[in-house]
PDB file of all heavy atoms in Angstrom:
ATOM      1  N   LEU A   1     -40.818  -1.648   9.219  1.00  0.00           N
ATOM      2  CA  LEU A   1     -39.991  -0.609   9.743  1.00  0.00           C
ATOM      3  C   LEU A   1     -38.728  -0.600   8.914  1.00  0.00           C
ATOM      4  O   LEU A   1     -38.065  -1.632   8.731  1.00  0.00           O
ATOM      5  CB  LEU A   1     -39.637  -0.852  11.258  1.00  0.00           C
ATOM      6  CG  LEU A   1     -40.897  -0.979  12.134  1.00  0.00           C
ATOM      7  CD1 LEU A   1     -40.395  -1.420  13.536  1.00  0.00           C
ATOM      8  CD2 LEU A   1     -41.659   0.241  12.225  1.00  0.00           C
ATOM      9  N   LEU A   2     -38.308   0.558   8.492  1.00  0.00           N
ATOM     10  CA  LEU A   2     -37.057   0.716   7.617  1.00  0.00           C
ATOM     11  C   LEU A   2     -36.068   1.469   8.563  1.00  0.00           C
ATOM     12  O   LEU A   2     -36.213   2.670   8.900  1.00  0.00           O
ATOM     13  CB  LEU A   2     -37.397   1.545   6.414  1.00  0.00           C
ATOM     14  CG  LEU A   2     -36.229   1.716   5.430  1.00  0.00           C
ATOM     15  CD1 LEU A   2     -35.849   0.360   4.733  1.00  0.00           C
ATOM     16  CD2 LEU A   2     -36.625   2.697   4.294  1.00  0.00           C
ATOM     17  N   VAL A   3     -34.982   0.705   8.935  1.00  0.00           N
ATOM     18  CA  VAL A   3     -34.042   1.273   9.908  1.00  0.00           C
ATOM     19  C   VAL A   3     -32.655   1.368   9.266  1.00  0.00           C
ATOM     20  O   VAL A   3     -32.131   0.336   8.716  1.00  0.00           O
ATOM     21  CB  VAL A   3     -33.977   0.435  11.252  1.00  0.00           C
ATOM     22  CG1 VAL A   3     -33.599  -1.012  10.975  1.00  0.00           C
ATOM     23  CG2 VAL A   3     -33.026   1.044  12.230  1.00  0.00           C
ATOM     24  N   MET A   4     -32.119   2.510   9.345  1.00  0.00           N
ATOM     25  CA  MET A   4     -30.727   2.680   8.843  1.00  0.00           C
ATOM     26  C   MET A   4     -29.816   2.838  10.129  1.00  0.00           C
ATOM     27  O   MET A   4     -30.289   3.067  11.259  1.00  0.00           O
ATOM     28  CB  MET A   4     -30.574   3.997   8.028  1.00  0.00           C
ATOM     29  CG  MET A   4     -30.794   5.285   8.712  1.00  0.00           C
ATOM     30  SD  MET A   4     -30.250   6.742   7.863  1.00  0.00           S
ATOM     31  CE  MET A   4     -31.328   6.714   6.354  1.00  0.00           C
ATOM     32  N   PRO A   5     -28.460   2.661   9.946  1.00  0.00           N
ATOM     33  CA  PRO A   5     -27.593   2.959  11.029  1.00  0.00           C
ATOM     34  C   PRO A   5     -27.561   4.425  11.484  1.00  0.00           C
ATOM     35  O   PRO A   5     -28.179   5.287  10.784  1.00  0.00           O
ATOM     36  CB  PRO A   5     -26.161   2.586  10.422  1.00  0.00           C
ATOM     37  CG  PRO A   5     -26.481   1.711   9.289  1.00  0.00           C
ATOM     38  CD  PRO A   5     -27.789   2.214   8.699  1.00  0.00           C
ATOM     39  N   PRO A   6     -26.949   4.792  12.569  1.00  0.00           N
ATOM     40  CA  PRO A   6     -26.907   6.192  12.923  1.00  0.00           C
ATOM     41  C   PRO A   6     -26.298   7.058  11.815  1.00  0.00           C
ATOM     42  O   PRO A   6     -25.489   6.547  10.983  1.00  0.00           O
ATOM     43  CB  PRO A   6     -26.010   6.227  14.178  1.00  0.00           C
ATOM     44  CG  PRO A   6     -26.038   4.770  14.636  1.00  0.00           C
ATOM     45  CD  PRO A   6     -26.236   3.938  13.463  1.00  0.00           C
ATOM     46  N   TYR A   7     -26.742   8.283  11.692  1.00  0.00           N
ATOM     47  CA  TYR A   7     -26.192   9.100  10.625  1.00  0.00           C
ATOM     48  C   TYR A   7     -25.499  10.331  11.236  1.00  0.00           C
ATOM     49  O   TYR A   7     -25.574  10.527  12.492  1.00  0.00           O
ATOM     50  CB  TYR A   7     -27.346   9.597   9.709  1.00  0.00           C
ATOM     51  CG  TYR A   7     -28.536  10.230  10.290  1.00  0.00           C
ATOM     52  CD1 TYR A   7     -28.673  11.524  10.627  1.00  0.00           C
ATOM     53  CD2 TYR A   7     -29.608   9.371  10.645  1.00  0.00           C
ATOM     54  CE1 TYR A   7     -29.700  12.098  11.216  1.00  0.00           C
ATOM     55  CE2 TYR A   7     -30.811   9.970  11.202  1.00  0.00           C
ATOM     56  CZ  TYR A   7     -30.775  11.298  11.527  1.00  0.00           C
ATOM     57  OH  TYR A   7     -31.918  11.791  12.140  1.00  0.00           O
ATOM     58  N   PHE A   8     -24.757  11.052  10.466  1.00  0.00           N
ATOM     59  CA  PHE A   8     -23.984  12.205  10.771  1.00  0.00           C
ATOM     60  C   PHE A   8     -22.701  11.875  11.452  1.00  0.00           C
ATOM     61  O   PHE A   8     -21.623  11.973  10.727  1.00  0.00           O
ATOM     62  CB  PHE A   8     -24.755  13.285  11.617  1.00  0.00           C
ATOM     63  CG  PHE A   8     -24.010  14.569  11.688  1.00  0.00           C
ATOM     64  CD1 PHE A   8     -24.029  15.506  10.677  1.00  0.00           C
ATOM     65  CD2 PHE A   8     -23.209  14.865  12.794  1.00  0.00           C
ATOM     66  CE1 PHE A   8     -23.357  16.703  10.761  1.00  0.00           C
ATOM     67  CE2 PHE A   8     -22.541  16.139  12.918  1.00  0.00           C
ATOM     68  CZ  PHE A   8     -22.536  16.990  11.855  1.00  0.00           C
ATOM     69  N   PHE A   9     -22.690  11.375  12.679  1.00  0.00           N
ATOM     70  CA  PHE A   9     -21.374  10.974  13.208  1.00  0.00           C
ATOM     71  C   PHE A   9     -21.003   9.579  12.740  1.00  0.00           C
ATOM     72  O   PHE A   9     -21.952   8.721  12.454  1.00  0.00           O
ATOM     73  CB  PHE A   9     -21.506  10.896  14.839  1.00  0.00           C
ATOM     74  CG  PHE A   9     -21.800  12.303  15.351  1.00  0.00           C
ATOM     75  CD1 PHE A   9     -22.938  12.609  15.993  1.00  0.00           C
ATOM     76  CD2 PHE A   9     -20.686  13.228  15.420  1.00  0.00           C
ATOM     77  CE1 PHE A   9     -23.114  13.875  16.555  1.00  0.00           C
ATOM     78  CE2 PHE A   9     -20.891  14.491  15.952  1.00  0.00           C
ATOM     79  CZ  PHE A   9     -22.172  14.773  16.546  1.00  0.00           C
ATOM     80  N   ARG A  10     -19.728   9.372  12.554  1.00  0.00           N
ATOM     81  CA  ARG A  10     -19.161   8.114  11.895  1.00  0.00           C
ATOM     82  C   ARG A  10     -18.906   7.106  13.017  1.00  0.00           C
ATOM     83  O   ARG A  10     -18.222   7.474  14.063  1.00  0.00           O
ATOM     84  CB  ARG A  10     -18.002   8.407  11.021  1.00  0.00           C
ATOM     85  CG  ARG A  10     -18.377   9.173   9.844  1.00  0.00           C
ATOM     86  CD  ARG A  10     -19.351   8.526   8.912  1.00  0.00           C
ATOM     87  NE  ARG A  10     -19.825   9.345   7.829  1.00  0.00           N
ATOM     88  CZ  ARG A  10     -20.731   8.951   6.906  1.00  0.00           C
ATOM     89  NH1 ARG A  10     -21.304   7.748   7.081  1.00  0.00           N
ATOM     90  NH2 ARG A  10     -21.207   9.747   6.016  1.00  0.00           N
ATOM     91  N   TYR A  11     -19.315   5.830  12.816  1.00  0.00           N
ATOM     92  CA  TYR A  11     -19.082   4.808  13.704  1.00  0.00           C
ATOM     93  C   TYR A  11     -18.443   3.550  12.933  1.00  0.00           C
ATOM     94  O   TYR A  11     -18.670   3.453  11.721  1.00  0.00           O
ATOM     95  CB  TYR A  11     -20.354   4.312  14.363  1.00  0.00           C
ATOM     96  CG  TYR A  11     -20.987   5.332  15.279  1.00  0.00           C
ATOM     97  CD1 TYR A  11     -21.957   6.197  14.870  1.00  0.00           C
ATOM     98  CD2 TYR A  11     -20.495   5.529  16.588  1.00  0.00           C
ATOM     99  CE1 TYR A  11     -22.473   7.168  15.646  1.00  0.00           C
ATOM    100  CE2 TYR A  11     -21.022   6.480  17.425  1.00  0.00           C
ATOM    101  CZ  TYR A  11     -22.000   7.249  16.978  1.00  0.00           C
ATOM    102  OH  TYR A  11     -22.607   8.224  17.766  1.00  0.00           O
ATOM    103  N   ALA A  12     -17.761   2.721  13.604  1.00  0.00           N
ATOM    104  CA  ALA A  12     -17.186   1.519  13.090  1.00  0.00           C
ATOM    105  C   ALA A  12     -18.247   0.514  12.895  1.00  0.00           C
ATOM    106  O   ALA A  12     -19.378   0.650  13.463  1.00  0.00           O
ATOM    107  CB  ALA A  12     -16.079   0.942  14.002  1.00  0.00           C
ATOM    108  N   GLN A  13     -17.978  -0.492  12.088  1.00  0.00           N
ATOM    109  CA  GLN A  13     -19.014  -1.568  11.813  1.00  0.00           C
ATOM    110  C   GLN A  13     -19.428  -2.257  13.094  1.00  0.00           C
ATOM    111  O   GLN A  13     -20.503  -2.768  13.187  1.00  0.00           O
ATOM    112  CB  GLN A  13     -18.409  -2.599  10.837  1.00  0.00           C
ATOM    113  CG  GLN A  13     -18.365  -2.065   9.479  1.00  0.00           C
ATOM    114  CD  GLN A  13     -19.795  -1.629   8.927  1.00  0.00           C
ATOM    115  OE1 GLN A  13     -20.663  -2.358   8.802  1.00  0.00           O
ATOM    116  NE2 GLN A  13     -19.905  -0.300   8.601  1.00  0.00           N
ATOM    117  N   GLU A  14     -18.557  -2.358  14.042  1.00  0.00           N
ATOM    118  CA  GLU A  14     -18.926  -2.983  15.396  1.00  0.00           C
ATOM    119  C   GLU A  14     -20.064  -2.277  16.050  1.00  0.00           C
ATOM    120  O   GLU A  14     -21.064  -2.821  16.540  1.00  0.00           O
ATOM    121  CB  GLU A  14     -17.752  -3.015  16.380  1.00  0.00           C
ATOM    122  CG  GLU A  14     -16.670  -4.013  15.974  1.00  0.00           C
ATOM    123  CD  GLU A  14     -15.723  -3.495  14.797  1.00  0.00           C
ATOM    124  OE1 GLU A  14     -15.830  -2.312  14.438  1.00  0.00           O
ATOM    125  OE2 GLU A  14     -14.787  -4.192  14.456  1.00  0.00           O
ATOM    126  N   GLU A  15     -20.014  -0.895  15.901  1.00  0.00           N
ATOM    127  CA  GLU A  15     -21.084  -0.108  16.537  1.00  0.00           C
ATOM    128  C   GLU A  15     -22.376  -0.184  15.649  1.00  0.00           C
ATOM    129  O   GLU A  15     -23.534  -0.165  16.161  1.00  0.00           O
ATOM    130  CB  GLU A  15     -20.690   1.398  16.694  1.00  0.00           C
ATOM    131  CG  GLU A  15     -19.851   1.647  17.848  1.00  0.00           C
ATOM    132  CD  GLU A  15     -18.393   1.361  17.607  1.00  0.00           C
ATOM    133  OE1 GLU A  15     -17.869   1.685  16.503  1.00  0.00           O
ATOM    134  OE2 GLU A  15     -17.656   0.888  18.559  1.00  0.00           O
ATOM    135  N   VAL A  16     -22.145  -0.245  14.363  1.00  0.00           N
ATOM    136  CA  VAL A  16     -23.387  -0.419  13.431  1.00  0.00           C
ATOM    137  C   VAL A  16     -24.030  -1.624  13.780  1.00  0.00           C
ATOM    138  O   VAL A  16     -25.326  -1.722  13.910  1.00  0.00           O
ATOM    139  CB  VAL A  16     -22.890  -0.348  12.018  1.00  0.00           C
ATOM    140  CG1 VAL A  16     -24.023  -0.762  11.032  1.00  0.00           C
ATOM    141  CG2 VAL A  16     -22.379   1.028  11.618  1.00  0.00           C
ATOM    142  N   ARG A  17     -23.350  -2.787  13.921  1.00  0.00           N
ATOM    143  CA  ARG A  17     -23.964  -4.055  14.264  1.00  0.00           C
ATOM    144  C   ARG A  17     -24.696  -4.066  15.588  1.00  0.00           C
ATOM    145  O   ARG A  17     -25.780  -4.520  15.832  1.00  0.00           O
ATOM    146  CB  ARG A  17     -22.905  -5.181  14.302  1.00  0.00           C
ATOM    147  CG  ARG A  17     -22.524  -5.681  12.952  1.00  0.00           C
ATOM    148  CD  ARG A  17     -21.743  -6.972  13.061  1.00  0.00           C
ATOM    149  NE  ARG A  17     -20.398  -6.741  13.744  1.00  0.00           N
ATOM    150  CZ  ARG A  17     -19.299  -6.482  13.075  1.00  0.00           C
ATOM    151  NH1 ARG A  17     -19.298  -6.309  11.699  1.00  0.00           N
ATOM    152  NH2 ARG A  17     -18.136  -6.314  13.752  1.00  0.00           N
ATOM    153  N   GLU A  18     -23.936  -3.428  16.585  1.00  0.00           N
ATOM    154  CA  GLU A  18     -24.547  -3.401  17.912  1.00  0.00           C
ATOM    155  C   GLU A  18     -25.835  -2.518  17.924  1.00  0.00           C
ATOM    156  O   GLU A  18     -26.815  -2.894  18.559  1.00  0.00           O
ATOM    157  CB  GLU A  18     -23.571  -2.751  18.884  1.00  0.00           C
ATOM    158  CG  GLU A  18     -23.954  -2.748  20.342  1.00  0.00           C
ATOM    159  CD  GLU A  18     -23.893  -4.157  20.979  1.00  0.00           C
ATOM    160  OE1 GLU A  18     -23.320  -5.074  20.284  1.00  0.00           O
ATOM    161  OE2 GLU A  18     -24.477  -4.396  22.064  1.00  0.00           O
ATOM    162  N   PHE A  19     -25.835  -1.373  17.248  1.00  0.00           N
ATOM    163  CA  PHE A  19     -27.029  -0.490  17.108  1.00  0.00           C
ATOM    164  C   PHE A  19     -28.159  -1.305  16.562  1.00  0.00           C
ATOM    165  O   PHE A  19     -29.258  -1.264  17.090  1.00  0.00           O
ATOM    166  CB  PHE A  19     -26.664   0.699  16.277  1.00  0.00           C
ATOM    167  CG  PHE A  19     -27.836   1.713  16.060  1.00  0.00           C
ATOM    168  CD1 PHE A  19     -27.944   2.786  16.882  1.00  0.00           C
ATOM    169  CD2 PHE A  19     -28.691   1.480  15.127  1.00  0.00           C
ATOM    170  CE1 PHE A  19     -28.973   3.754  16.704  1.00  0.00           C
ATOM    171  CE2 PHE A  19     -29.789   2.412  14.837  1.00  0.00           C
ATOM    172  CZ  PHE A  19     -29.900   3.495  15.673  1.00  0.00           C
ATOM    173  N   LEU A  20     -27.966  -1.954  15.394  1.00  0.00           N
ATOM    174  CA  LEU A  20     -29.052  -2.587  14.750  1.00  0.00           C
ATOM    175  C   LEU A  20     -29.542  -3.859  15.479  1.00  0.00           C
ATOM    176  O   LEU A  20     -30.750  -4.083  15.483  1.00  0.00           O
ATOM    177  CB  LEU A  20     -28.647  -2.951  13.304  1.00  0.00           C
ATOM    178  CG  LEU A  20     -28.418  -1.708  12.386  1.00  0.00           C
ATOM    179  CD1 LEU A  20     -27.691  -2.105  11.139  1.00  0.00           C
ATOM    180  CD2 LEU A  20     -29.756  -1.007  12.150  1.00  0.00           C
ATOM    181  N   MET A  21     -28.578  -4.618  16.103  1.00  0.00           N
ATOM    182  CA  MET A  21     -29.131  -5.759  16.839  1.00  0.00           C
ATOM    183  C   MET A  21     -29.917  -5.332  18.149  1.00  0.00           C
ATOM    184  O   MET A  21     -30.827  -5.997  18.457  1.00  0.00           O
ATOM    185  CB  MET A  21     -27.902  -6.641  17.283  1.00  0.00           C
ATOM    186  CG  MET A  21     -27.337  -7.466  16.085  1.00  0.00           C
ATOM    187  SD  MET A  21     -28.506  -8.568  15.291  1.00  0.00           S
ATOM    188  CE  MET A  21     -28.556  -9.821  16.552  1.00  0.00           C
ATOM    189  N   ARG A  22     -29.469  -4.277  18.773  1.00  0.00           N
ATOM    190  CA  ARG A  22     -30.166  -3.760  19.956  1.00  0.00           C
ATOM    191  C   ARG A  22     -31.559  -3.252  19.522  1.00  0.00           C
ATOM    192  O   ARG A  22     -32.561  -3.359  20.219  1.00  0.00           O
ATOM    193  CB  ARG A  22     -29.425  -2.722  20.699  1.00  0.00           C
ATOM    194  CG  ARG A  22     -28.209  -3.251  21.412  1.00  0.00           C
ATOM    195  CD  ARG A  22     -27.734  -2.410  22.463  1.00  0.00           C
ATOM    196  NE  ARG A  22     -26.539  -2.860  23.129  1.00  0.00           N
ATOM    197  CZ  ARG A  22     -26.043  -2.410  24.265  1.00  0.00           C
ATOM    198  NH1 ARG A  22     -26.691  -1.438  24.940  1.00  0.00           N
ATOM    199  NH2 ARG A  22     -24.946  -2.904  24.848  1.00  0.00           N
ATOM    200  N   PHE A  23     -31.638  -2.594  18.321  1.00  0.00           N
ATOM    201  CA  PHE A  23     -32.890  -2.213  17.804  1.00  0.00           C
ATOM    202  C   PHE A  23     -33.800  -3.377  17.622  1.00  0.00           C
ATOM    203  O   PHE A  23     -34.939  -3.392  18.001  1.00  0.00           O
ATOM    204  CB  PHE A  23     -32.653  -1.437  16.454  1.00  0.00           C
ATOM    205  CG  PHE A  23     -33.966  -1.042  15.866  1.00  0.00           C
ATOM    206  CD1 PHE A  23     -34.599   0.213  16.178  1.00  0.00           C
ATOM    207  CD2 PHE A  23     -34.613  -1.853  15.005  1.00  0.00           C
ATOM    208  CE1 PHE A  23     -35.773   0.584  15.658  1.00  0.00           C
ATOM    209  CE2 PHE A  23     -35.852  -1.438  14.340  1.00  0.00           C
ATOM    210  CZ  PHE A  23     -36.471  -0.200  14.700  1.00  0.00           C
ATOM    211  N   ALA A  24     -33.308  -4.433  16.990  1.00  0.00           N
ATOM    212  CA  ALA A  24     -34.090  -5.619  16.755  1.00  0.00           C
ATOM    213  C   ALA A  24     -34.552  -6.257  18.099  1.00  0.00           C
ATOM    214  O   ALA A  24     -35.662  -6.746  18.189  1.00  0.00           O
ATOM    215  CB  ALA A  24     -33.339  -6.665  15.933  1.00  0.00           C
ATOM    216  N   ASP A  25     -33.714  -6.222  19.110  1.00  0.00           N
ATOM    217  CA  ASP A  25     -34.054  -6.771  20.395  1.00  0.00           C
ATOM    218  C   ASP A  25     -35.312  -6.082  20.982  1.00  0.00           C
ATOM    219  O   ASP A  25     -36.163  -6.670  21.733  1.00  0.00           O
ATOM    220  CB  ASP A  25     -32.977  -6.660  21.423  1.00  0.00           C
ATOM    221  CG  ASP A  25     -31.839  -7.597  21.096  1.00  0.00           C
ATOM    222  OD1 ASP A  25     -32.059  -8.594  20.406  1.00  0.00           O
ATOM    223  OD2 ASP A  25     -30.708  -7.375  21.593  1.00  0.00           O
TER     224      ASP A  25
END
């Protein structure tokens, strides 16, 4: 699975980490 952070709206690195870690969970 190839997963990128959310696109279009801009988020801080804290949200990027949270998004990807929750995805992995």
